[in-house]
């Protein structure tokens, strides 16, 4: 196993790695909608936050030699399923069919007051 990290995604805010490579799989920790350049949210709405979460996952994928096309599974945590349409629009804009397997859960709260958090499993080539 090895840790994968990049300055192009926000640093972990706790005792965890941005991602861990195990064999041909990359397990990406939940990504908050933090802009790594500013350290703050780039948007207050759930759709904009989803866009940033996916950009962070893309940056971590690149650091491991992969792209969002290699994502096989995501888990989305949201604080309001009423924003489901906006989240889906941003999610589908970041990915190409066939889309990854996915789960989406409403939770009572997320770190730093985020509205969205996304984790991913990515298949690595070679």
Protein backbone atom coordinates (compact mmCIF):
# COMPACT_ATOMS: atom_id res chain seq x y z
CA UNK A 1 0.00 0.00 0.00
CA UNK A 2 1.09 3.54 -0.63
CA UNK A 3 -0.32 6.99 0.07
CA UNK A 4 -1.15 9.33 -2.81
CA UNK A 5 -1.33 13.08 -2.29
CA UNK A 6 -1.22 16.26 -4.31
CA UNK A 7 -1.18 19.98 -3.59
CA UNK A 8 -3.86 20.30 -6.31
CA UNK A 9 -6.46 19.00 -3.83
CA UNK A 10 -7.03 20.13 -0.25
CA UNK A 11 -4.83 18.56 2.41
CA UNK A 12 -6.47 16.13 4.80
CA UNK A 13 -8.12 17.92 7.72
CA UNK A 14 -7.63 14.95 10.03
CA UNK A 15 -5.58 11.79 10.52
CA UNK A 16 -6.12 10.29 7.06
CA UNK A 17 -4.56 10.27 3.59
CA UNK A 18 -6.01 11.95 0.52
CA UNK A 19 -5.88 8.51 -1.06
CA UNK A 20 -4.36 5.06 -0.65
CA UNK A 21 -3.24 2.85 -3.51
CA UNK A 22 -3.81 -0.85 -2.88
CA UNK A 23 -2.91 -3.07 -5.82
CA UNK A 24 -4.71 -1.69 -8.86
CA UNK A 25 -7.25 0.31 -6.84
CA UNK A 26 -7.09 3.85 -5.51
CA UNK A 27 -9.31 4.64 -2.52
CA UNK A 28 -9.93 8.40 -2.39
CA UNK A 29 -10.98 9.81 0.98
CA UNK A 30 -14.08 11.94 1.15
CA UNK A 31 -13.40 15.22 -0.60
CA UNK A 32 -14.95 18.39 0.72
CA UNK A 33 -15.62 21.33 -1.64
CA UNK A 34 -12.47 23.13 -0.53
CA UNK A 35 -10.51 25.04 -3.15
CA UNK A 36 -6.87 24.07 -2.48
CA UNK A 37 -5.67 27.50 -3.65
CA UNK A 38 -7.72 29.41 -1.08
CA UNK A 39 -8.50 26.84 1.62
CA UNK A 40 -12.17 27.80 1.54
CA UNK A 41 -15.35 26.80 -0.25
CA UNK A 42 -15.57 28.17 -3.77
CA UNK A 43 -19.38 27.97 -3.67
CA UNK A 44 -22.12 27.95 -1.06
CA UNK A 45 -24.67 26.01 -3.15
CA UNK A 46 -24.70 22.21 -3.32
CA UNK A 47 -24.23 22.05 -7.11
CA UNK A 48 -21.17 24.29 -6.99
CA UNK A 49 -19.81 22.34 -4.06
CA UNK A 50 -20.25 19.08 -5.99
CA UNK A 51 -18.28 20.56 -8.90
CA UNK A 52 -15.39 21.37 -6.54
CA UNK A 53 -15.51 17.93 -4.90
CA UNK A 54 -15.22 16.29 -8.32
CA UNK A 55 -12.34 18.61 -9.29
CA UNK A 56 -10.53 17.55 -6.12
CA UNK A 57 -11.08 13.86 -6.92
CA UNK A 58 -9.82 14.49 -10.48
CA UNK A 59 -6.63 16.07 -9.10
CA UNK A 60 -5.98 13.10 -6.83
CA UNK A 61 -6.69 10.71 -9.71
CA UNK A 62 -4.14 12.57 -11.87
CA UNK A 63 -1.54 12.28 -9.10
CA UNK A 64 -1.99 8.51 -9.32
CA UNK A 65 -1.90 8.43 -13.15
CA UNK A 66 -5.66 8.09 -13.62
CA UNK A 67 -8.62 10.22 -14.68
CA UNK A 68 -12.27 10.50 -13.72
CA UNK A 69 -12.96 8.00 -16.51
CA UNK A 70 -11.34 5.39 -14.24
CA UNK A 71 -13.74 5.96 -11.32
CA UNK A 72 -15.67 2.77 -10.59
CA UNK A 73 -17.57 3.73 -7.41
CA UNK A 74 -18.50 6.90 -5.58
CA UNK A 75 -20.26 7.66 -2.35
CA UNK A 76 -21.90 11.06 -1.99
CA UNK A 77 -22.87 12.54 1.36
CA UNK A 78 -25.25 15.51 1.32
CA UNK A 79 -26.90 17.54 4.03
CA UNK A 80 -30.09 18.07 2.00
CA UNK A 81 -31.44 15.60 -0.56
CA UNK A 82 -33.60 18.47 -1.77
CA UNK A 83 -30.49 19.52 -3.73
CA UNK A 84 -30.37 16.13 -5.50
CA UNK A 85 -31.05 17.59 -8.98
CA UNK A 86 -28.27 20.19 -8.68
CA UNK A 87 -25.88 17.55 -7.35
CA UNK A 88 -26.73 15.16 -10.18
CA UNK A 89 -26.24 17.90 -12.78
CA UNK A 90 -22.76 18.74 -11.48
CA UNK A 91 -21.88 15.05 -11.07
CA UNK A 92 -22.91 14.13 -14.61
CA UNK A 93 -21.01 17.15 -15.99
CA UNK A 94 -17.79 15.79 -14.45
CA UNK A 95 -18.19 12.19 -15.65
CA UNK A 96 -18.90 10.33 -18.88
CA UNK A 97 -21.22 7.34 -19.31
CA UNK A 98 -21.13 4.63 -18.31
CA UNK A 99 -21.26 6.30 -14.92
CA UNK A 100 -19.63 4.74 -11.87
CA UNK A 101 -21.62 2.73 -9.36
CA UNK A 102 -22.82 5.15 -6.69
CA UNK A 103 -24.49 5.58 -3.34
CA UNK A 104 -25.88 8.86 -2.03
CA UNK A 105 -26.88 9.51 1.58
CA UNK A 106 -28.34 12.44 3.43
CA UNK A 107 -26.46 13.16 6.65
CA UNK A 108 -27.13 15.61 9.46
CA UNK A 109 -23.83 17.49 9.06
CA UNK A 110 -20.49 17.45 7.26
CA UNK A 111 -17.09 18.83 8.32
CA UNK A 112 -16.62 22.61 8.07
CA UNK A 113 -20.32 23.07 7.28
CA UNK A 114 -20.03 21.60 3.76
CA UNK A 115 -23.20 20.61 1.93
CA UNK A 116 -21.51 17.83 -0.07
CA UNK A 117 -18.67 15.34 0.39
CA UNK A 118 -17.63 12.70 -2.15
CA UNK A 119 -15.38 9.66 -1.87
CA UNK A 120 -14.29 7.46 -4.76
CA UNK A 121 -12.71 4.17 -5.75
CA UNK A 122 -10.63 4.39 -8.92
CA UNK A 123 -9.21 1.56 -11.04
CA UNK A 124 -5.57 2.13 -11.92
CA UNK A 125 -3.97 0.91 -15.11
CA UNK A 126 -0.79 -1.12 -15.12
